[in-house]
Protein backbone atom coordinates (compact mmCIF):
# COMPACT_ATOMS: atom_id res chain seq x y z
CA MET A 1 101.17 155.21 75.47
CA VAL A 2 100.91 154.38 79.15
CA LYS A 3 98.85 157.09 80.83
CA GLU A 4 98.63 155.41 84.25
CA GLY A 5 99.86 152.16 85.78
CA LYS A 6 102.54 149.68 84.82
CA ILE A 7 102.79 147.47 81.74
CA ARG A 8 105.15 144.50 81.65
CA ILE A 9 106.88 143.76 78.34
CA PHE A 10 107.89 140.13 77.86
CA ILE A 11 108.74 137.40 75.39
CA GLY A 12 107.67 133.76 75.61
CA ASN A 13 104.53 131.99 76.81
CA GLY A 14 103.18 130.36 79.95
CA ASP A 15 105.93 129.59 82.47
CA GLU A 16 108.56 130.53 79.89
CA LYS A 17 107.89 134.30 79.98
CA LYS A 18 111.02 136.45 80.16
CA GLN A 19 110.46 140.02 81.30
CA LEU A 20 112.21 142.63 79.17
CA ALA A 21 110.94 145.85 80.73
CA VAL A 22 108.26 147.54 82.80
CA MET A 23 106.73 150.59 81.15
CA THR A 24 105.19 153.37 83.21
CA GLU A 25 103.46 156.71 82.73
CA GLY A 26 104.50 158.54 79.55
CA GLU A 27 106.20 155.56 77.89
CA PHE A 28 105.18 154.02 74.57
CA ILE A 29 104.58 150.38 73.77
CA GLY A 30 104.14 148.87 70.31
CA GLU A 31 105.54 151.96 68.61
CA MET A 32 107.58 150.12 66.00
CA SER A 33 104.55 148.17 64.81
CA ILE A 34 102.57 151.40 64.38
CA ILE A 35 105.32 152.78 62.13
CA ASP A 36 106.11 149.78 59.93
CA GLY A 37 103.01 147.60 60.32
CA LYS A 38 105.08 144.51 61.15
CA PRO A 39 104.31 142.18 64.05
CA ARG A 40 105.43 143.19 67.51
CA SER A 41 108.58 141.51 68.82
CA ALA A 42 107.25 141.16 72.39
CA SER A 43 103.99 141.00 74.31
CA ALA A 44 102.58 143.29 76.98
CA GLU A 45 100.34 142.89 79.99
CA ALA A 46 99.19 145.24 82.73
CA ILE A 47 100.70 144.48 86.13
CA ASP A 48 98.79 147.27 87.88
CA GLU A 49 95.45 148.80 87.07
CA SER A 50 96.41 150.82 84.00
CA VAL A 51 95.10 153.33 81.49
CA VAL A 52 96.62 153.49 78.01
CA LEU A 53 96.12 155.86 75.10
CA ILE A 54 95.80 154.18 71.73
CA LEU A 55 97.39 155.81 68.70
CA ASP A 56 96.13 154.47 65.41
CA ARG A 57 98.36 153.76 62.42
CA LYS A 58 96.37 156.00 60.06
CA SER A 59 96.93 159.09 62.23
CA ILE A 60 100.64 158.41 62.46
CA GLN A 61 100.88 157.80 58.70
CA ARG A 62 99.17 161.14 58.00
CA GLN A 63 101.73 162.91 60.17
CA ILE A 64 104.58 161.13 58.40
CA GLU A 65 103.15 162.09 54.99
CA GLU A 66 103.16 165.74 56.06
CA ASP A 67 106.88 165.55 56.80
CA PRO A 68 108.47 162.90 54.53
CA LEU A 69 111.99 163.54 55.83
CA MET A 70 110.89 162.88 59.40
CA GLY A 71 109.02 159.79 58.17
CA ALA A 72 112.17 158.49 56.48
CA LEU A 73 114.18 159.09 59.65
CA ILE A 74 111.63 157.30 61.85
CA SER A 75 111.33 154.38 59.41
CA THR A 76 115.13 154.02 59.32
CA LEU A 77 115.34 153.96 63.11
CA VAL A 78 112.59 151.34 63.34
CA ARG A 79 114.29 149.16 60.71
CA ARG A 80 117.60 149.36 62.61
CA LEU A 81 115.91 148.49 65.90
CA ARG A 82 114.18 145.48 64.33
CA ASP A 83 117.49 144.30 62.84
CA MET A 84 119.17 144.57 66.24
CA ASP A 85 116.22 142.82 67.90
CA ARG A 86 116.57 139.89 65.47
CA LYS A 87 120.31 139.65 66.12
CA LEU A 88 119.81 139.67 69.89
CA SER A 89 117.04 137.06 69.64
CA ARG A 90 119.35 134.72 67.74
CA LYS A 91 122.03 135.08 70.41
CA MET A 92 119.52 134.32 73.19
CA ASN A 93 118.34 131.09 71.53
């Protein structure tokens, strides 16, 4: 989670970077990967001096285990987002 500053979300490398978003205070980055353990679909870099809070996968998994219905809902949402991300990536290429 971004506590302070700005984080740029992008795809690509070198001169071929395409900015997708700029995340600011209170916004999450990498949240889908924490839930499903799959690789991230984009990269991130600080564009201002920034402070981020790191949430570890084990803590999130414990919370999901305490409320399996909520875990199923979150996992479903992440799966749908990844499916849509793949479809959009194919259209962009």
